[in-house]
mmCIF file of all heavy atoms, coordinates in Angstrom:
data_MODEL
# 
_entry.id   MODEL 
# 
loop_
_atom_site.group_PDB 
_atom_site.id 
_atom_site.type_symbol 
_atom_site.label_atom_id 
_atom_site.label_alt_id 
_atom_site.label_comp_id 
_atom_site.label_asym_id 
_atom_site.label_entity_id 
_atom_site.label_seq_id 
_atom_site.pdbx_PDB_ins_code 
_atom_site.Cartn_x 
_atom_site.Cartn_y 
_atom_site.Cartn_z 
_atom_site.occupancy 
_atom_site.B_iso_or_equiv 
_atom_site.pdbx_formal_charge 
_atom_site.auth_seq_id 
_atom_site.auth_comp_id 
_atom_site.auth_asym_id 
_atom_site.auth_atom_id 
_atom_site.pdbx_PDB_model_num 
ATOM 1   N N   . LYS A 1 1  ? 12.186 123.281 97.284  1.00 0.00 ? 1  LYS A N   1 
ATOM 2   C CA  . LYS A 1 1  ? 12.472 122.654 96.076  1.00 0.00 ? 1  LYS A CA  1 
ATOM 3   C C   . LYS A 1 1  ? 11.491 121.500 95.821  1.00 0.00 ? 1  LYS A C   1 
ATOM 4   O O   . LYS A 1 1  ? 11.355 120.611 96.769  1.00 0.00 ? 1  LYS A O   1 
ATOM 5   C CB  . LYS A 1 1  ? 13.938 122.132 96.082  1.00 0.00 ? 1  LYS A CB  1 
ATOM 6   C CG  . LYS A 1 1  ? 14.440 121.705 94.725  1.00 0.00 ? 1  LYS A CG  1 
ATOM 7   C CD  . LYS A 1 1  ? 14.756 122.903 93.832  1.00 0.00 ? 1  LYS A CD  1 
ATOM 8   C CE  . LYS A 1 1  ? 15.504 122.431 92.611  1.00 0.00 ? 1  LYS A CE  1 
ATOM 9   N NZ  . LYS A 1 1  ? 15.835 123.558 91.681  1.00 0.00 ? 1  LYS A NZ  1 
ATOM 10  N N   . ASN A 1 2  ? 10.833 121.484 94.712  1.00 0.00 ? 2  ASN A N   1 
ATOM 11  C CA  . ASN A 1 2  ? 9.877  120.497 94.315  1.00 0.00 ? 2  ASN A CA  1 
ATOM 12  C C   . ASN A 1 2  ? 8.872  120.237 95.401  1.00 0.00 ? 2  ASN A C   1 
ATOM 13  O O   . ASN A 1 2  ? 8.523  119.066 95.777  1.00 0.00 ? 2  ASN A O   1 
ATOM 14  C CB  . ASN A 1 2  ? 10.644 119.224 94.057  1.00 0.00 ? 2  ASN A CB  1 
ATOM 15  C CG  . ASN A 1 2  ? 11.675 119.262 92.895  1.00 0.00 ? 2  ASN A CG  1 
ATOM 16  O OD1 . ASN A 1 2  ? 11.380 119.985 91.889  1.00 0.00 ? 2  ASN A OD1 1 
ATOM 17  N ND2 . ASN A 1 2  ? 12.784 118.643 93.002  1.00 0.00 ? 2  ASN A ND2 1 
ATOM 18  N N   . GLY A 1 3  ? 8.385  121.268 95.997  1.00 0.00 ? 3  GLY A N   1 
ATOM 19  C CA  . GLY A 1 3  ? 7.334  121.230 96.977  1.00 0.00 ? 3  GLY A CA  1 
ATOM 20  C C   . GLY A 1 3  ? 7.766  120.818 98.327  1.00 0.00 ? 3  GLY A C   1 
ATOM 21  O O   . GLY A 1 3  ? 6.849  120.592 99.211  1.00 0.00 ? 3  GLY A O   1 
ATOM 22  N N   . SER A 1 4  ? 9.094  120.673 98.563  1.00 0.00 ? 4  SER A N   1 
ATOM 23  C CA  . SER A 1 4  ? 9.513  120.277 99.920  1.00 0.00 ? 4  SER A CA  1 
ATOM 24  C C   . SER A 1 4  ? 10.433 121.411 100.508 1.00 0.00 ? 4  SER A C   1 
ATOM 25  O O   . SER A 1 4  ? 11.229 122.026 99.794  1.00 0.00 ? 4  SER A O   1 
ATOM 26  C CB  . SER A 1 4  ? 10.329 119.015 99.914  1.00 0.00 ? 4  SER A CB  1 
ATOM 27  O OG  . SER A 1 4  ? 9.462  117.963 99.312  1.00 0.00 ? 4  SER A OG  1 
ATOM 28  N N   . GLU A 1 5  ? 10.329 121.575 101.842 1.00 0.00 ? 5  GLU A N   1 
ATOM 29  C CA  . GLU A 1 5  ? 11.159 122.558 102.518 1.00 0.00 ? 5  GLU A CA  1 
ATOM 30  C C   . GLU A 1 5  ? 12.505 121.853 102.829 1.00 0.00 ? 5  GLU A C   1 
ATOM 31  O O   . GLU A 1 5  ? 12.527 120.734 103.361 1.00 0.00 ? 5  GLU A O   1 
ATOM 32  C CB  . GLU A 1 5  ? 10.508 122.956 103.765 1.00 0.00 ? 5  GLU A CB  1 
ATOM 33  C CG  . GLU A 1 5  ? 11.147 124.090 104.527 1.00 0.00 ? 5  GLU A CG  1 
ATOM 34  C CD  . GLU A 1 5  ? 10.405 124.556 105.768 1.00 0.00 ? 5  GLU A CD  1 
ATOM 35  O OE1 . GLU A 1 5  ? 10.068 123.692 106.569 1.00 0.00 ? 5  GLU A OE1 1 
ATOM 36  O OE2 . GLU A 1 5  ? 10.229 125.782 105.853 1.00 0.00 ? 5  GLU A OE2 1 
ATOM 37  N N   . ARG A 1 6  ? 13.639 122.564 102.624 1.00 0.00 ? 6  ARG A N   1 
ATOM 38  C CA  . ARG A 1 6  ? 14.904 122.067 102.863 1.00 0.00 ? 6  ARG A CA  1 
ATOM 39  C C   . ARG A 1 6  ? 15.588 122.960 103.955 1.00 0.00 ? 6  ARG A C   1 
ATOM 40  O O   . ARG A 1 6  ? 16.077 123.992 103.647 1.00 0.00 ? 6  ARG A O   1 
ATOM 41  C CB  . ARG A 1 6  ? 15.757 122.120 101.611 1.00 0.00 ? 6  ARG A CB  1 
ATOM 42  C CG  . ARG A 1 6  ? 15.050 121.334 100.464 1.00 0.00 ? 6  ARG A CG  1 
ATOM 43  C CD  . ARG A 1 6  ? 15.960 121.141 99.346  1.00 0.00 ? 6  ARG A CD  1 
ATOM 44  N NE  . ARG A 1 6  ? 16.387 122.394 98.680  1.00 0.00 ? 6  ARG A NE  1 
ATOM 45  C CZ  . ARG A 1 6  ? 17.227 122.477 97.608  1.00 0.00 ? 6  ARG A CZ  1 
ATOM 46  N NH1 . ARG A 1 6  ? 17.461 121.265 96.930  1.00 0.00 ? 6  ARG A NH1 1 
ATOM 47  N NH2 . ARG A 1 6  ? 17.431 123.571 97.044  1.00 0.00 ? 6  ARG A NH2 1 
ATOM 48  N N   . ARG A 1 7  ? 15.626 122.438 105.218 1.00 0.00 ? 7  ARG A N   1 
ATOM 49  C CA  . ARG A 1 7  ? 16.175 123.206 106.246 1.00 0.00 ? 7  ARG A CA  1 
ATOM 50  C C   . ARG A 1 7  ? 17.686 123.049 106.460 1.00 0.00 ? 7  ARG A C   1 
ATOM 51  O O   . ARG A 1 7  ? 18.228 123.547 107.372 1.00 0.00 ? 7  ARG A O   1 
ATOM 52  C CB  . ARG A 1 7  ? 15.504 122.851 107.622 1.00 0.00 ? 7  ARG A CB  1 
ATOM 53  C CG  . ARG A 1 7  ? 13.895 123.088 107.585 1.00 0.00 ? 7  ARG A CG  1 
ATOM 54  C CD  . ARG A 1 7  ? 13.379 123.245 108.960 1.00 0.00 ? 7  ARG A CD  1 
ATOM 55  N NE  . ARG A 1 7  ? 12.004 123.699 108.931 1.00 0.00 ? 7  ARG A NE  1 
ATOM 56  C CZ  . ARG A 1 7  ? 11.387 124.141 110.021 1.00 0.00 ? 7  ARG A CZ  1 
ATOM 57  N NH1 . ARG A 1 7  ? 11.915 123.981 111.229 1.00 0.00 ? 7  ARG A NH1 1 
ATOM 58  N NH2 . ARG A 1 7  ? 10.116 124.583 109.888 1.00 0.00 ? 7  ARG A NH2 1 
ATOM 59  N N   . ASP A 1 8  ? 18.324 122.411 105.498 1.00 0.00 ? 8  ASP A N   1 
ATOM 60  C CA  . ASP A 1 8  ? 19.733 122.313 105.415 1.00 0.00 ? 8  ASP A CA  1 
ATOM 61  C C   . ASP A 1 8  ? 20.254 123.122 104.307 1.00 0.00 ? 8  ASP A C   1 
ATOM 62  O O   . ASP A 1 8  ? 21.480 122.914 103.872 1.00 0.00 ? 8  ASP A O   1 
ATOM 63  C CB  . ASP A 1 8  ? 20.242 120.835 105.358 1.00 0.00 ? 8  ASP A CB  1 
ATOM 64  C CG  . ASP A 1 8  ? 19.814 120.204 104.108 1.00 0.00 ? 8  ASP A CG  1 
ATOM 65  O OD1 . ASP A 1 8  ? 18.853 120.711 103.381 1.00 0.00 ? 8  ASP A OD1 1 
ATOM 66  O OD2 . ASP A 1 8  ? 20.416 119.039 103.807 1.00 0.00 ? 8  ASP A OD2 1 
ATOM 67  N N   . SER A 1 9  ? 19.534 124.013 103.755 1.00 0.00 ? 9  SER A N   1 
ATOM 68  C CA  . SER A 1 9  ? 19.814 124.851 102.539 1.00 0.00 ? 9  SER A CA  1 
ATOM 69  C C   . SER A 1 9  ? 20.451 126.130 102.987 1.00 0.00 ? 9  SER A C   1 
ATOM 70  O O   . SER A 1 9  ? 20.299 126.678 104.160 1.00 0.00 ? 9  SER A O   1 
ATOM 71  C CB  . SER A 1 9  ? 18.655 125.116 101.685 1.00 0.00 ? 9  SER A CB  1 
ATOM 72  O OG  . SER A 1 9  ? 17.674 125.957 102.315 1.00 0.00 ? 9  SER A OG  1 
ATOM 73  N N   . ILE A 1 10 ? 21.125 126.794 102.060 1.00 0.00 ? 10 ILE A N   1 
ATOM 74  C CA  . ILE A 1 10 ? 21.840 128.136 102.324 1.00 0.00 ? 10 ILE A CA  1 
ATOM 75  C C   . ILE A 1 10 ? 20.855 129.123 102.605 1.00 0.00 ? 10 ILE A C   1 
ATOM 76  O O   . ILE A 1 10 ? 20.982 129.941 103.588 1.00 0.00 ? 10 ILE A O   1 
ATOM 77  C CB  . ILE A 1 10 ? 22.723 128.436 101.090 1.00 0.00 ? 10 ILE A CB  1 
ATOM 78  C CG1 . ILE A 1 10 ? 23.763 127.488 100.901 1.00 0.00 ? 10 ILE A CG1 1 
ATOM 79  C CG2 . ILE A 1 10 ? 23.283 129.917 101.272 1.00 0.00 ? 10 ILE A CG2 1 
ATOM 80  C CD1 . ILE A 1 10 ? 24.537 127.595 99.472  1.00 0.00 ? 10 ILE A CD1 1 
ATOM 81  N N   . GLN A 1 11 ? 19.709 129.148 101.860 1.00 0.00 ? 11 GLN A N   1 
ATOM 82  C CA  . GLN A 1 11 ? 18.728 130.272 102.073 1.00 0.00 ? 11 GLN A CA  1 
ATOM 83  C C   . GLN A 1 11 ? 18.019 130.079 103.388 1.00 0.00 ? 11 GLN A C   1 
ATOM 84  O O   . GLN A 1 11 ? 17.778 131.094 104.128 1.00 0.00 ? 11 GLN A O   1 
ATOM 85  C CB  . GLN A 1 11 ? 17.677 130.225 100.988 1.00 0.00 ? 11 GLN A CB  1 
ATOM 86  C CG  . GLN A 1 11 ? 16.718 131.392 101.016 1.00 0.00 ? 11 GLN A CG  1 
ATOM 87  C CD  . GLN A 1 11 ? 15.530 131.209 100.047 1.00 0.00 ? 11 GLN A CD  1 
ATOM 88  O OE1 . GLN A 1 11 ? 15.248 130.133 99.628  1.00 0.00 ? 11 GLN A OE1 1 
ATOM 89  N NE2 . GLN A 1 11 ? 14.852 132.280 99.762  1.00 0.00 ? 11 GLN A NE2 1 
ATOM 90  N N   . TRP A 1 12 ? 17.767 128.851 103.871 1.00 0.00 ? 12 TRP A N   1 
ATOM 91  C CA  . TRP A 1 12 ? 17.186 128.682 105.203 1.00 0.00 ? 12 TRP A CA  1 
ATOM 92  C C   . TRP A 1 12 ? 18.067 129.054 106.266 1.00 0.00 ? 12 TRP A C   1 
ATOM 93  O O   . TRP A 1 12 ? 17.693 129.827 107.209 1.00 0.00 ? 12 TRP A O   1 
ATOM 94  C CB  . TRP A 1 12 ? 16.826 127.205 105.355 1.00 0.00 ? 12 TRP A CB  1 
ATOM 95  C CG  . TRP A 1 12 ? 16.390 126.883 106.830 1.00 0.00 ? 12 TRP A CG  1 
ATOM 96  C CD1 . TRP A 1 12 ? 17.029 126.388 107.869 1.00 0.00 ? 12 TRP A CD1 1 
ATOM 97  C CD2 . TRP A 1 12 ? 15.020 127.190 107.255 1.00 0.00 ? 12 TRP A CD2 1 
ATOM 98  N NE1 . TRP A 1 12 ? 16.337 126.352 109.008 1.00 0.00 ? 12 TRP A NE1 1 
ATOM 99  C CE2 . TRP A 1 12 ? 15.104 126.767 108.652 1.00 0.00 ? 12 TRP A CE2 1 
ATOM 100 C CE3 . TRP A 1 12 ? 13.844 127.625 106.749 1.00 0.00 ? 12 TRP A CE3 1 
ATOM 101 C CZ2 . TRP A 1 12 ? 13.882 126.867 109.465 1.00 0.00 ? 12 TRP A CZ2 1 
ATOM 102 C CZ3 . TRP A 1 12 ? 12.766 127.723 107.563 1.00 0.00 ? 12 TRP A CZ3 1 
ATOM 103 C CH2 . TRP A 1 12 ? 12.754 127.316 108.878 1.00 0.00 ? 12 TRP A CH2 1 
ATOM 104 N N   . HIS A 1 13 ? 19.411 128.803 106.195 1.00 0.00 ? 13 HIS A N   1 
ATOM 105 C CA  . HIS A 1 13 ? 20.395 129.241 107.188 1.00 0.00 ? 13 HIS A CA  1 
ATOM 106 C C   . HIS A 1 13 ? 20.416 130.753 107.138 1.00 0.00 ? 13 HIS A C   1 
ATOM 107 O O   . HIS A 1 13 ? 20.609 131.333 108.316 1.00 0.00 ? 13 HIS A O   1 
ATOM 108 C CB  . HIS A 1 13 ? 21.794 128.663 106.777 1.00 0.00 ? 13 HIS A CB  1 
ATOM 109 C CG  . HIS A 1 13 ? 22.793 128.746 107.860 1.00 0.00 ? 13 HIS A CG  1 
ATOM 110 N ND1 . HIS A 1 13 ? 22.735 128.432 109.086 1.00 0.00 ? 13 HIS A ND1 1 
ATOM 111 C CD2 . HIS A 1 13 ? 24.075 129.336 107.736 1.00 0.00 ? 13 HIS A CD2 1 
ATOM 112 C CE1 . HIS A 1 13 ? 23.719 128.649 109.841 1.00 0.00 ? 13 HIS A CE1 1 
ATOM 113 N NE2 . HIS A 1 13 ? 24.612 129.257 108.964 1.00 0.00 ? 13 HIS A NE2 1 
ATOM 114 N N   . ALA A 1 14 ? 20.439 131.444 106.039 1.00 0.00 ? 14 ALA A N   1 
ATOM 115 C CA  . ALA A 1 14 ? 20.507 132.873 106.054 1.00 0.00 ? 14 ALA A CA  1 
ATOM 116 C C   . ALA A 1 14 ? 19.273 133.470 106.669 1.00 0.00 ? 14 ALA A C   1 
ATOM 117 O O   . ALA A 1 14 ? 19.314 134.461 107.399 1.00 0.00 ? 14 ALA A O   1 
ATOM 118 C CB  . ALA A 1 14 ? 20.655 133.339 104.649 1.00 0.00 ? 14 ALA A CB  1 
ATOM 119 N N   . ALA A 1 15 ? 18.128 132.870 106.347 1.00 0.00 ? 15 ALA A N   1 
ATOM 120 C CA  . ALA A 1 15 ? 16.834 133.386 106.851 1.00 0.00 ? 15 ALA A CA  1 
ATOM 121 C C   . ALA A 1 15 ? 16.816 133.342 108.424 1.00 0.00 ? 15 ALA A C   1 
ATOM 122 O O   . ALA A 1 15 ? 16.303 134.184 109.076 1.00 0.00 ? 15 ALA A O   1 
ATOM 123 C CB  . ALA A 1 15 ? 15.636 132.540 106.274 1.00 0.00 ? 15 ALA A CB  1 
ATOM 124 N N   . GLN A 1 16 ? 17.434 132.347 109.027 1.00 0.00 ? 16 GLN A N   1 
ATOM 125 C CA  . GLN A 1 16 ? 17.402 132.186 110.421 1.00 0.00 ? 16 GLN A CA  1 
ATOM 126 C C   . GLN A 1 16 ? 18.116 133.443 111.100 1.00 0.00 ? 16 GLN A C   1 
ATOM 127 O O   . GLN A 1 16 ? 17.739 133.796 112.196 1.00 0.00 ? 16 GLN A O   1 
ATOM 128 C CB  . GLN A 1 16 ? 18.055 130.891 110.858 1.00 0.00 ? 16 GLN A CB  1 
ATOM 129 C CG  . GLN A 1 16 ? 17.416 129.662 110.327 1.00 0.00 ? 16 GLN A CG  1 
ATOM 130 C CD  . GLN A 1 16 ? 15.949 129.661 110.518 1.00 0.00 ? 16 GLN A CD  1 
ATOM 131 O OE1 . GLN A 1 16 ? 15.407 129.636 111.650 1.00 0.00 ? 16 GLN A OE1 1 
ATOM 132 N NE2 . GLN A 1 16 ? 15.199 129.649 109.398 1.00 0.00 ? 16 GLN A NE2 1 
ATOM 133 N N   . GLN A 1 17 ? 19.146 133.931 110.461 1.00 0.00 ? 17 GLN A N   1 
ATOM 134 C CA  . GLN A 1 17 ? 19.912 134.968 111.014 1.00 0.00 ? 17 GLN A CA  1 
ATOM 135 C C   . GLN A 1 17 ? 19.038 136.190 111.140 1.00 0.00 ? 17 GLN A C   1 
ATOM 136 O O   . GLN A 1 17 ? 19.149 137.031 112.080 1.00 0.00 ? 17 GLN A O   1 
ATOM 137 C CB  . GLN A 1 17 ? 21.191 135.294 110.152 1.00 0.00 ? 17 GLN A CB  1 
ATOM 138 C CG  . GLN A 1 17 ? 21.973 134.032 109.775 1.00 0.00 ? 17 GLN A CG  1 
ATOM 139 C CD  . GLN A 1 17 ? 22.436 133.181 110.970 1.00 0.00 ? 17 GLN A CD  1 
ATOM 140 O OE1 . GLN A 1 17 ? 22.860 133.713 112.006 1.00 0.00 ? 17 GLN A OE1 1 
ATOM 141 N NE2 . GLN A 1 17 ? 22.121 131.895 110.817 1.00 0.00 ? 17 GLN A NE2 1 
ATOM 142 N N   . TYR A 1 18 ? 18.167 136.453 110.140 1.00 0.00 ? 18 TYR A N   1 
ATOM 143 C CA  . TYR A 1 18 ? 17.334 137.690 110.161 1.00 0.00 ? 18 TYR A CA  1 
ATOM 144 C C   . TYR A 1 18 ? 16.173 137.463 111.004 1.00 0.00 ? 18 TYR A C   1 
ATOM 145 O O   . TYR A 1 18 ? 15.525 138.362 111.666 1.00 0.00 ? 18 TYR A O   1 
ATOM 146 C CB  . TYR A 1 18 ? 16.914 137.995 108.746 1.00 0.00 ? 18 TYR A CB  1 
ATOM 147 C CG  . TYR A 1 18 ? 18.091 138.621 108.022 1.00 0.00 ? 18 TYR A CG  1 
ATOM 148 C CD1 . TYR A 1 18 ? 19.019 137.794 107.224 1.00 0.00 ? 18 TYR A CD1 1 
ATOM 149 C CD2 . TYR A 1 18 ? 18.377 139.944 108.058 1.00 0.00 ? 18 TYR A CD2 1 
ATOM 150 C CE1 . TYR A 1 18 ? 20.081 138.269 106.645 1.00 0.00 ? 18 TYR A CE1 1 
ATOM 151 C CE2 . TYR A 1 18 ? 19.501 140.488 107.409 1.00 0.00 ? 18 TYR A CE2 1 
ATOM 152 C CZ  . TYR A 1 18 ? 20.297 139.601 106.711 1.00 0.00 ? 18 TYR A CZ  1 
ATOM 153 O OH  . TYR A 1 18 ? 21.457 140.174 106.023 1.00 0.00 ? 18 TYR A OH  1 
ATOM 154 N N   . MET A 1 19 ? 15.697 136.182 111.136 1.00 0.00 ? 19 MET A N   1 
ATOM 155 C CA  . MET A 1 19 ? 14.593 135.901 112.044 1.00 0.00 ? 19 MET A CA  1 
ATOM 156 C C   . MET A 1 19 ? 15.033 136.061 113.569 1.00 0.00 ? 19 MET A C   1 
ATOM 157 O O   . MET A 1 19 ? 14.301 136.696 114.381 1.00 0.00 ? 19 MET A O   1 
ATOM 158 C CB  . MET A 1 19 ? 14.057 134.461 111.835 1.00 0.00 ? 19 MET A CB  1 
ATOM 159 C CG  . MET A 1 19 ? 13.429 134.260 110.421 1.00 0.00 ? 19 MET A CG  1 
ATOM 160 S SD  . MET A 1 19 ? 13.184 132.566 109.890 1.00 0.00 ? 19 MET A SD  1 
ATOM 161 C CE  . MET A 1 19 ? 11.790 132.152 110.930 1.00 0.00 ? 19 MET A CE  1 
ATOM 162 N N   . LYS A 1 20 ? 16.253 135.600 113.762 1.00 0.00 ? 20 LYS A N   1 
ATOM 163 C CA  . LYS A 1 20 ? 16.776 135.795 115.141 1.00 0.00 ? 20 LYS A CA  1 
ATOM 164 C C   . LYS A 1 20 ? 17.156 137.216 115.400 1.00 0.00 ? 20 LYS A C   1 
ATOM 165 O O   . LYS A 1 20 ? 17.248 137.645 116.574 1.00 0.00 ? 20 LYS A O   1 
ATOM 166 C CB  . LYS A 1 20 ? 18.063 134.945 115.286 1.00 0.00 ? 20 LYS A CB  1 
ATOM 167 C CG  . LYS A 1 20 ? 17.824 133.392 115.250 1.00 0.00 ? 20 LYS A CG  1 
ATOM 168 C CD  . LYS A 1 20 ? 19.149 132.647 115.262 1.00 0.00 ? 20 LYS A CD  1 
ATOM 169 C CE  . LYS A 1 20 ? 18.910 131.128 115.210 1.00 0.00 ? 20 LYS A CE  1 
ATOM 170 N NZ  . LYS A 1 20 ? 20.169 130.380 115.065 1.00 0.00 ? 20 LYS A NZ  1 
ATOM 171 N N   . GLY A 1 21 ? 17.373 137.982 114.368 1.00 0.00 ? 21 GLY A N   1 
ATOM 172 C CA  . GLY A 1 21 ? 17.696 139.456 114.469 1.00 0.00 ? 21 GLY A CA  1 
ATOM 173 C C   . GLY A 1 21 ? 16.427 140.272 114.643 1.00 0.00 ? 21 GLY A C   1 
ATOM 174 O O   . GLY A 1 21 ? 16.464 141.541 114.539 1.00 0.00 ? 21 GLY A O   1 
ATOM 175 N N   . GLN A 1 22 ? 15.311 139.590 114.902 1.00 0.00 ? 22 GLN A N   1 
ATOM 176 C CA  . GLN A 1 22 ? 13.970 140.273 115.146 1.00 0.00 ? 22 GLN A CA  1 
ATOM 177 C C   . GLN A 1 22 ? 13.606 141.182 114.072 1.00 0.00 ? 22 GLN A C   1 
ATOM 178 O O   . GLN A 1 22 ? 13.148 142.313 114.349 1.00 0.00 ? 22 GLN A O   1 
ATOM 179 C CB  . GLN A 1 22 ? 14.130 140.942 116.485 1.00 0.00 ? 22 GLN A CB  1 
ATOM 180 C CG  . GLN A 1 22 ? 14.359 140.028 117.737 1.00 0.00 ? 22 GLN A CG  1 
ATOM 181 C CD  . GLN A 1 22 ? 14.362 140.671 119.020 1.00 0.00 ? 22 GLN A CD  1 
ATOM 182 O OE1 . GLN A 1 22 ? 14.744 141.861 119.107 1.00 0.00 ? 22 GLN A OE1 1 
ATOM 183 N NE2 . GLN A 1 22 ? 14.046 139.963 120.105 1.00 0.00 ? 22 GLN A NE2 1 
ATOM 184 N N   . PHE A 1 23 ? 13.787 140.888 112.864 1.00 0.00 ? 23 PHE A N   1 
ATOM 185 C CA  . PHE A 1 23 ? 13.240 141.642 111.757 1.00 0.00 ? 23 PHE A CA  1 
ATOM 186 C C   . PHE A 1 23 ? 11.660 141.514 111.651 1.00 0.00 ? 23 PHE A C   1 
ATOM 187 O O   . PHE A 1 23 ? 11.171 140.417 112.034 1.00 0.00 ? 23 PHE A O   1 
ATOM 188 C CB  . PHE A 1 23 ? 13.830 141.242 110.367 1.00 0.00 ? 23 PHE A CB  1 
ATOM 189 C CG  . PHE A 1 23 ? 15.196 141.887 110.128 1.00 0.00 ? 23 PHE A CG  1 
ATOM 190 C CD1 . PHE A 1 23 ? 16.238 141.607 110.758 1.00 0.00 ? 23 PHE A CD1 1 
ATOM 191 C CD2 . PHE A 1 23 ? 15.249 142.798 109.028 1.00 0.00 ? 23 PHE A CD2 1 
ATOM 192 C CE1 . PHE A 1 23 ? 17.490 142.292 110.560 1.00 0.00 ? 23 PHE A CE1 1 
ATOM 193 C CE2 . PHE A 1 23 ? 16.298 143.463 108.791 1.00 0.00 ? 23 PHE A CE2 1 
ATOM 194 C CZ  . PHE A 1 23 ? 17.513 143.263 109.497 1.00 0.00 ? 23 PHE A CZ  1 
ATOM 195 N N   . ASP A 1 24 ? 10.956 142.556 111.320 1.00 0.00 ? 24 ASP A N   1 
ATOM 196 C CA  . ASP A 1 24 ? 9.522  142.594 111.277 1.00 0.00 ? 24 ASP A CA  1 
ATOM 197 C C   . ASP A 1 24 ? 9.003  141.823 110.147 1.00 0.00 ? 24 ASP A C   1 
ATOM 198 O O   . ASP A 1 24 ? 7.924  141.241 110.106 1.00 0.00 ? 24 ASP A O   1 
ATOM 199 C CB  . ASP A 1 24 ? 9.028  143.978 111.248 1.00 0.00 ? 24 ASP A CB  1 
ATOM 200 C CG  . ASP A 1 24 ? 9.527  144.894 112.365 1.00 0.00 ? 24 ASP A CG  1 
ATOM 201 O OD1 . ASP A 1 24 ? 9.205  144.519 113.535 1.00 0.00 ? 24 ASP A OD1 1 
ATOM 202 O OD2 . ASP A 1 24 ? 10.193 145.780 112.149 1.00 0.00 ? 24 ASP A OD2 1 
ATOM 203 N N   . ILE A 1 25 ? 9.730  141.790 109.024 1.00 0.00 ? 25 ILE A N   1 
ATOM 204 C CA  . ILE A 1 25 ? 9.351  141.066 107.785 1.00 0.00 ? 25 ILE A CA  1 
ATOM 205 C C   . ILE A 1 25 ? 10.609 140.256 107.276 1.00 0.00 ? 25 ILE A C   1 
ATOM 206 O O   . ILE A 1 25 ? 11.640 140.841 107.089 1.00 0.00 ? 25 ILE A O   1 
ATOM 207 C CB  . ILE A 1 25 ? 8.832  141.925 106.655 1.00 0.00 ? 25 ILE A CB  1 
ATOM 208 C CG1 . ILE A 1 25 ? 7.364  142.530 107.136 1.00 0.00 ? 25 ILE A CG1 1 
ATOM 209 C CG2 . ILE A 1 25 ? 8.707  141.224 105.399 1.00 0.00 ? 25 ILE A CG2 1 
ATOM 210 C CD1 . ILE A 1 25 ? 6.810  143.469 106.155 1.00 0.00 ? 25 ILE A CD1 1 
ATOM 211 N N   . VAL A 1 26 ? 10.492 139.047 107.028 1.00 0.00 ? 26 VAL A N   1 
ATOM 212 C CA  . VAL A 1 26 ? 11.385 138.206 106.370 1.00 0.00 ? 26 VAL A CA  1 
ATOM 213 C C   . VAL A 1 26 ? 10.622 137.418 105.186 1.00 0.00 ? 26 VAL A C   1 
ATOM 214 O O   . VAL A 1 26 ? 9.823  136.610 105.558 1.00 0.00 ? 26 VAL A O   1 
ATOM 215 C CB  . VAL A 1 26 ? 12.164 137.142 107.223 1.00 0.00 ? 26 VAL A CB  1 
ATOM 216 C CG1 . VAL A 1 26 ? 13.111 136.339 106.420 1.00 0.00 ? 26 VAL A CG1 1 
ATOM 217 C CG2 . VAL A 1 26 ? 12.892 137.850 108.330 1.00 0.00 ? 26 VAL A CG2 1 
ATOM 218 N N   . PHE A 1 27 ? 10.830 137.847 103.985 1.00 0.00 ? 27 PHE A N   1 
ATOM 219 C CA  . PHE A 1 27 ? 10.108 137.388 102.845 1.00 0.00 ? 27 PHE A CA  1 
ATOM 220 C C   . PHE A 1 27 ? 10.973 136.621 101.833 1.00 0.00 ? 27 PHE A C   1 
ATOM 221 O O   . PHE A 1 27 ? 12.082 137.064 101.475 1.00 0.00 ? 27 PHE A O   1 
ATOM 222 C CB  . PHE A 1 27 ? 9.460  138.540 102.096 1.00 0.00 ? 27 PHE A CB  1 
ATOM 223 C CG  . PHE A 1 27 ? 8.543  138.136 101.009 1.00 0.00 ? 27 PHE A CG  1 
ATOM 224 C CD1 . PHE A 1 27 ? 7.224  137.642 101.191 1.00 0.00 ? 27 PHE A CD1 1 
ATOM 225 C CD2 . PHE A 1 27 ? 8.994  138.210 99.615  1.00 0.00 ? 27 PHE A CD2 1 
ATOM 226 C CE1 . PHE A 1 27 ? 6.401  137.325 100.167 1.00 0.00 ? 27 PHE A CE1 1 
ATOM 227 C CE2 . PHE A 1 27 ? 8.200  137.817 98.614  1.00 0.00 ? 27 PHE A CE2 1 
ATOM 228 C CZ  . PHE A 1 27 ? 6.839  137.376 98.878  1.00 0.00 ? 27 PHE A CZ  1 
# 
């Protein structure tokens, strides 16, 4: 948001689950 990464956001939290799930692509 506004050029800054927010690691306390809902989308970041959801992305971590798929990154930890060893997905080949998380876009």
